[in-house]
């Protein structure tokens, strides 16, 4: 991938993140953006990569997800228990989309 393509993709993902969570603080935005442009998400369209990175950042940085994993909960159970906190934070950031409990 050329530098121009990476830059174009980076800009597209940044736009999607701002639409997804318009009031997200810059530190959280930068962390989510870094995750979204990571190589393991490059096969996804920018809008999906942005959502995946946003929810991953939110789960790890703003919930008890990692603590639940350390206590022995499996990933699905830990995710179930943090959905409410994630959606509350998304709402605080002005998001119109939320995480489902499924």
N, C-alpha and C. Protein backbone atom coordinates (compact mmCIF):
# COMPACT_ATOMS: atom_id res chain seq x y z
N UNK A 1 0.85 -1.18 0.00
CA UNK A 1 0.00 0.00 0.00
C UNK A 1 0.90 1.24 0.00
N UNK A 2 0.57 2.19 -0.83
CA UNK A 2 1.37 3.39 -0.94
C UNK A 2 1.09 4.33 0.23
N UNK A 3 2.00 5.27 0.44
CA UNK A 3 1.83 6.26 1.50
C UNK A 3 0.56 7.06 1.28
N UNK A 4 0.27 7.42 0.03
CA UNK A 4 -0.94 8.18 -0.27
C UNK A 4 -2.19 7.39 0.09
N UNK A 5 -2.19 6.09 -0.18
CA UNK A 5 -3.35 5.25 0.14
C UNK A 5 -3.52 5.15 1.64
N UNK A 6 -2.41 4.97 2.36
CA UNK A 6 -2.50 4.91 3.82
C UNK A 6 -3.03 6.22 4.37
N UNK A 7 -2.58 7.32 3.82
CA UNK A 7 -3.03 8.63 4.28
C UNK A 7 -4.52 8.81 3.99
N UNK A 8 -4.95 8.39 2.82
CA UNK A 8 -6.36 8.49 2.44
C UNK A 8 -7.21 7.64 3.38
N UNK A 9 -6.78 6.41 3.63
CA UNK A 9 -7.50 5.52 4.53
C UNK A 9 -7.53 6.09 5.95
N UNK A 10 -6.41 6.59 6.39
CA UNK A 10 -6.30 7.20 7.71
C UNK A 10 -7.32 8.33 7.86
N UNK A 11 -7.40 9.18 6.85
CA UNK A 11 -8.36 10.30 6.87
C UNK A 11 -9.80 9.80 6.87
N UNK A 12 -10.09 8.78 6.08
CA UNK A 12 -11.45 8.23 6.02
C UNK A 12 -11.85 7.65 7.38
N UNK A 13 -10.95 6.92 8.00
CA UNK A 13 -11.24 6.33 9.30
C UNK A 13 -11.44 7.43 10.34
N UNK A 14 -10.60 8.46 10.30
CA UNK A 14 -10.74 9.57 11.24
C UNK A 14 -12.12 10.22 11.10
N UNK A 15 -12.57 10.41 9.87
CA UNK A 15 -13.90 10.99 9.65
C UNK A 15 -15.00 10.10 10.24
N UNK A 16 -14.88 8.81 10.02
CA UNK A 16 -15.88 7.87 10.55
C UNK A 16 -15.88 7.91 12.08
N UNK A 17 -14.71 7.97 12.70
CA UNK A 17 -14.65 8.02 14.16
C UNK A 17 -15.34 9.28 14.69
N UNK A 18 -15.14 10.41 14.02
CA UNK A 18 -15.75 11.66 14.47
C UNK A 18 -17.27 11.60 14.34
N UNK A 19 -17.75 10.94 13.30
CA UNK A 19 -19.20 10.79 13.13
C UNK A 19 -19.75 9.83 14.18
N UNK A 20 -19.02 8.75 14.43
CA UNK A 20 -19.47 7.75 15.40
C UNK A 20 -19.56 8.30 16.82
N UNK A 21 -18.58 9.11 17.21
CA UNK A 21 -18.52 9.62 18.58
C UNK A 21 -18.00 11.06 18.55
N UNK A 22 -18.86 12.01 18.18
CA UNK A 22 -18.42 13.39 17.96
C UNK A 22 -17.83 14.10 19.17
N UNK A 23 -18.16 13.67 20.37
CA UNK A 23 -17.64 14.35 21.56
C UNK A 23 -16.57 13.54 22.28
N UNK A 24 -16.01 12.57 21.59
CA UNK A 24 -14.95 11.75 22.18
C UNK A 24 -13.72 12.62 22.40
N UNK A 25 -13.11 12.54 23.59
CA UNK A 25 -11.88 13.32 23.85
C UNK A 25 -10.76 12.92 22.90
N UNK A 26 -9.86 13.85 22.64
CA UNK A 26 -8.79 13.64 21.67
C UNK A 26 -7.90 12.45 22.04
N UNK A 27 -7.62 12.23 23.30
CA UNK A 27 -6.77 11.09 23.69
C UNK A 27 -7.45 9.78 23.31
N UNK A 28 -8.74 9.67 23.54
CA UNK A 28 -9.47 8.47 23.16
C UNK A 28 -9.56 8.35 21.64
N UNK A 29 -9.78 9.47 20.97
CA UNK A 29 -9.85 9.48 19.51
C UNK A 29 -8.54 8.96 18.92
N UNK A 30 -7.42 9.47 19.43
CA UNK A 30 -6.11 9.04 18.91
C UNK A 30 -5.87 7.56 19.15
N UNK A 31 -6.26 7.05 20.30
CA UNK A 31 -6.09 5.61 20.58
C UNK A 31 -6.95 4.76 19.65
N UNK A 32 -8.20 5.18 19.46
CA UNK A 32 -9.09 4.45 18.57
C UNK A 32 -8.58 4.51 17.13
N UNK A 33 -8.10 5.67 16.71
CA UNK A 33 -7.58 5.83 15.36
C UNK A 33 -6.36 4.94 15.13
N UNK A 34 -5.48 4.90 16.11
CA UNK A 34 -4.30 4.04 16.00
C UNK A 34 -4.72 2.58 15.84
N UNK A 35 -5.71 2.17 16.61
CA UNK A 35 -6.21 0.79 16.48
C UNK A 35 -6.85 0.54 15.13
N UNK A 36 -7.58 1.53 14.64
CA UNK A 36 -8.32 1.36 13.38
C UNK A 36 -7.41 1.25 12.17
N UNK A 37 -6.26 1.89 12.22
CA UNK A 37 -5.36 1.83 11.06
C UNK A 37 -4.34 0.70 11.20
N UNK A 38 -4.45 -0.09 12.27
CA UNK A 38 -3.54 -1.22 12.48
C UNK A 38 -3.72 -2.24 11.36
N UNK A 39 -2.68 -2.96 11.10
CA UNK A 39 -2.66 -3.91 10.00
C UNK A 39 -3.75 -4.96 10.04
N UNK A 40 -4.11 -5.42 11.23
CA UNK A 40 -5.09 -6.51 11.30
C UNK A 40 -6.50 -6.09 10.91
N UNK A 41 -6.74 -4.78 10.77
CA UNK A 41 -8.05 -4.30 10.34
C UNK A 41 -8.04 -3.76 8.91
N UNK A 42 -6.92 -3.86 8.23
CA UNK A 42 -6.79 -3.23 6.91
C UNK A 42 -7.70 -3.84 5.86
N UNK A 43 -8.15 -5.06 6.07
CA UNK A 43 -9.04 -5.71 5.10
C UNK A 43 -10.48 -5.22 5.23
N UNK A 44 -10.79 -4.49 6.29
CA UNK A 44 -12.15 -4.01 6.53
C UNK A 44 -12.38 -2.64 5.90
N UNK A 45 -13.60 -2.33 5.51
CA UNK A 45 -13.90 -0.98 5.05
C UNK A 45 -13.65 0.01 6.20
N UNK A 46 -13.28 1.25 5.89
CA UNK A 46 -12.97 2.23 6.93
C UNK A 46 -14.06 2.38 8.00
N UNK A 47 -15.33 2.34 7.60
CA UNK A 47 -16.40 2.53 8.58
C UNK A 47 -16.43 1.38 9.59
N UNK A 48 -16.20 0.17 9.13
CA UNK A 48 -16.21 -0.99 10.03
C UNK A 48 -14.95 -1.02 10.89
N UNK A 49 -13.81 -0.70 10.29
CA UNK A 49 -12.56 -0.64 11.06
C UNK A 49 -12.67 0.41 12.17
N UNK A 50 -13.30 1.54 11.87
CA UNK A 50 -13.47 2.59 12.88
C UNK A 50 -14.34 2.10 14.03
N UNK A 51 -15.45 1.44 13.73
CA UNK A 51 -16.35 0.93 14.78
C UNK A 51 -15.66 -0.15 15.61
N UNK A 52 -14.97 -1.07 14.94
CA UNK A 52 -14.27 -2.13 15.66
C UNK A 52 -13.22 -1.55 16.62
N UNK A 53 -12.44 -0.60 16.13
CA UNK A 53 -11.39 -0.01 16.95
C UNK A 53 -11.98 0.83 18.09
N UNK A 54 -13.06 1.55 17.80
CA UNK A 54 -13.70 2.36 18.83
C UNK A 54 -14.22 1.48 19.95
N UNK A 55 -14.93 0.41 19.61
CA UNK A 55 -15.49 -0.45 20.65
C UNK A 55 -14.40 -1.20 21.41
N UNK A 56 -13.35 -1.58 20.72
CA UNK A 56 -12.24 -2.25 21.40
C UNK A 56 -11.57 -1.30 22.39
N UNK A 57 -11.27 -0.09 21.94
CA UNK A 57 -10.66 0.90 22.83
C UNK A 57 -11.56 1.15 24.04
N UNK A 58 -12.81 1.35 23.78
CA UNK A 58 -13.77 1.62 24.84
C UNK A 58 -13.82 0.48 25.84
N UNK A 59 -13.88 -0.73 25.36
CA UNK A 59 -13.95 -1.92 26.22
C UNK A 59 -12.73 -2.01 27.13
N UNK A 60 -11.55 -1.79 26.58
CA UNK A 60 -10.32 -1.95 27.36
C UNK A 60 -9.99 -0.74 28.23
N UNK A 61 -10.32 0.45 27.78
CA UNK A 61 -9.91 1.67 28.49
C UNK A 61 -10.97 2.24 29.43
N UNK A 62 -12.23 1.90 29.22
CA UNK A 62 -13.30 2.55 29.99
C UNK A 62 -14.25 1.58 30.70
N UNK A 63 -13.89 0.32 30.76
CA UNK A 63 -14.74 -0.65 31.46
C UNK A 63 -13.86 -1.58 32.30
N UNK A 64 -14.51 -2.46 33.00
CA UNK A 64 -13.83 -3.46 33.83
C UNK A 64 -13.54 -4.75 33.06
N UNK A 65 -13.57 -4.68 31.74
CA UNK A 65 -13.40 -5.86 30.90
C UNK A 65 -12.13 -6.64 31.24
N UNK A 66 -11.00 -5.97 31.27
CA UNK A 66 -9.74 -6.66 31.52
C UNK A 66 -9.70 -7.27 32.92
N UNK A 67 -10.28 -6.58 33.89
CA UNK A 67 -10.34 -7.12 35.25
C UNK A 67 -11.20 -8.37 35.30
N UNK A 68 -12.30 -8.36 34.56
CA UNK A 68 -13.16 -9.54 34.50
C UNK A 68 -12.42 -10.73 33.89
N UNK A 69 -11.64 -10.48 32.85
CA UNK A 69 -10.86 -11.55 32.24
C UNK A 69 -9.85 -12.11 33.25
N UNK A 70 -9.21 -11.21 34.00
CA UNK A 70 -8.24 -11.64 35.00
C UNK A 70 -8.90 -12.46 36.11
N UNK A 71 -10.16 -12.18 36.39
CA UNK A 71 -10.90 -12.93 37.41
C UNK A 71 -11.34 -14.30 36.91
N UNK A 72 -11.15 -14.56 35.63
CA UNK A 72 -11.47 -15.87 35.09
C UNK A 72 -12.70 -15.93 34.19
N UNK A 73 -13.35 -14.80 33.97
CA UNK A 73 -14.49 -14.81 33.05
C UNK A 73 -13.99 -15.04 31.63
N UNK A 74 -14.78 -15.74 30.82
CA UNK A 74 -14.42 -15.89 29.42
C UNK A 74 -14.76 -14.60 28.69
N UNK A 75 -14.26 -14.45 27.47
CA UNK A 75 -14.45 -13.20 26.72
C UNK A 75 -15.91 -12.83 26.53
N UNK A 76 -16.74 -13.79 26.16
CA UNK A 76 -18.15 -13.49 25.91
C UNK A 76 -18.85 -13.02 27.18
N UNK A 77 -18.57 -13.67 28.29
CA UNK A 77 -19.18 -13.26 29.56
C UNK A 77 -18.71 -11.87 29.97
N UNK A 78 -17.41 -11.63 29.87
CA UNK A 78 -16.86 -10.32 30.23
C UNK A 78 -17.48 -9.24 29.35
N UNK A 79 -17.61 -9.51 28.07
CA UNK A 79 -18.22 -8.54 27.16
C UNK A 79 -19.67 -8.27 27.53
N UNK A 80 -20.39 -9.31 27.90
CA UNK A 80 -21.79 -9.14 28.32
C UNK A 80 -21.88 -8.18 29.51
N UNK A 81 -21.00 -8.33 30.48
CA UNK A 81 -21.07 -7.52 31.69
C UNK A 81 -20.63 -6.07 31.49
N UNK A 82 -19.96 -5.75 30.40
CA UNK A 82 -19.51 -4.37 30.19
C UNK A 82 -20.32 -3.61 29.15
N UNK A 83 -21.31 -4.26 28.54
CA UNK A 83 -22.10 -3.61 27.49
C UNK A 83 -22.75 -2.33 28.00
N UNK A 84 -23.33 -2.37 29.17
CA UNK A 84 -24.01 -1.18 29.71
C UNK A 84 -23.05 -0.01 29.89
N UNK A 85 -21.88 -0.29 30.43
CA UNK A 85 -20.87 0.77 30.63
C UNK A 85 -20.40 1.32 29.29
N UNK A 86 -20.23 0.44 28.32
CA UNK A 86 -19.80 0.88 27.00
C UNK A 86 -20.85 1.79 26.37
N UNK A 87 -22.11 1.39 26.45
CA UNK A 87 -23.17 2.20 25.85
C UNK A 87 -23.35 3.53 26.57
N UNK A 88 -23.14 3.54 27.87
CA UNK A 88 -23.21 4.81 28.61
C UNK A 88 -22.10 5.76 28.14
N UNK A 89 -20.91 5.22 27.95
CA UNK A 89 -19.80 6.06 27.48
C UNK A 89 -20.03 6.52 26.05
N UNK A 90 -20.53 5.64 25.20
CA UNK A 90 -20.85 6.04 23.83
C UNK A 90 -21.87 7.18 23.83
N UNK A 91 -22.89 7.07 24.67
CA UNK A 91 -23.90 8.13 24.76
C UNK A 91 -23.27 9.44 25.24
N UNK A 92 -22.36 9.35 26.19
CA UNK A 92 -21.69 10.56 26.69
C UNK A 92 -20.84 11.21 25.60
N UNK A 93 -20.37 10.41 24.66
CA UNK A 93 -19.58 10.94 23.55
C UNK A 93 -20.44 11.36 22.38
N UNK A 94 -21.75 11.31 22.54
CA UNK A 94 -22.67 11.75 21.49
C UNK A 94 -22.90 10.74 20.39
N UNK A 95 -22.61 9.49 20.66
CA UNK A 95 -22.78 8.45 19.65
C UNK A 95 -24.26 8.14 19.43
N UNK A 96 -24.63 7.93 18.20
CA UNK A 96 -26.01 7.54 17.89
C UNK A 96 -26.12 6.03 17.78
N UNK A 97 -25.02 5.35 17.83
CA UNK A 97 -24.97 3.89 17.72
C UNK A 97 -24.58 3.31 19.08
N UNK A 98 -25.01 2.10 19.34
CA UNK A 98 -24.64 1.45 20.61
C UNK A 98 -24.21 0.01 20.34
N UNK A 99 -23.67 -0.61 21.36
CA UNK A 99 -23.21 -1.98 21.29
C UNK A 99 -24.37 -2.87 21.72
N UNK A 100 -24.62 -3.93 20.97
CA UNK A 100 -25.70 -4.84 21.33
C UNK A 100 -25.19 -5.85 22.36
N UNK A 101 -26.11 -6.46 23.06
CA UNK A 101 -25.73 -7.45 24.08
C UNK A 101 -25.49 -8.82 23.50
N UNK A 102 -25.67 -8.98 22.21
CA UNK A 102 -25.48 -10.29 21.57
C UNK A 102 -24.02 -10.57 21.31
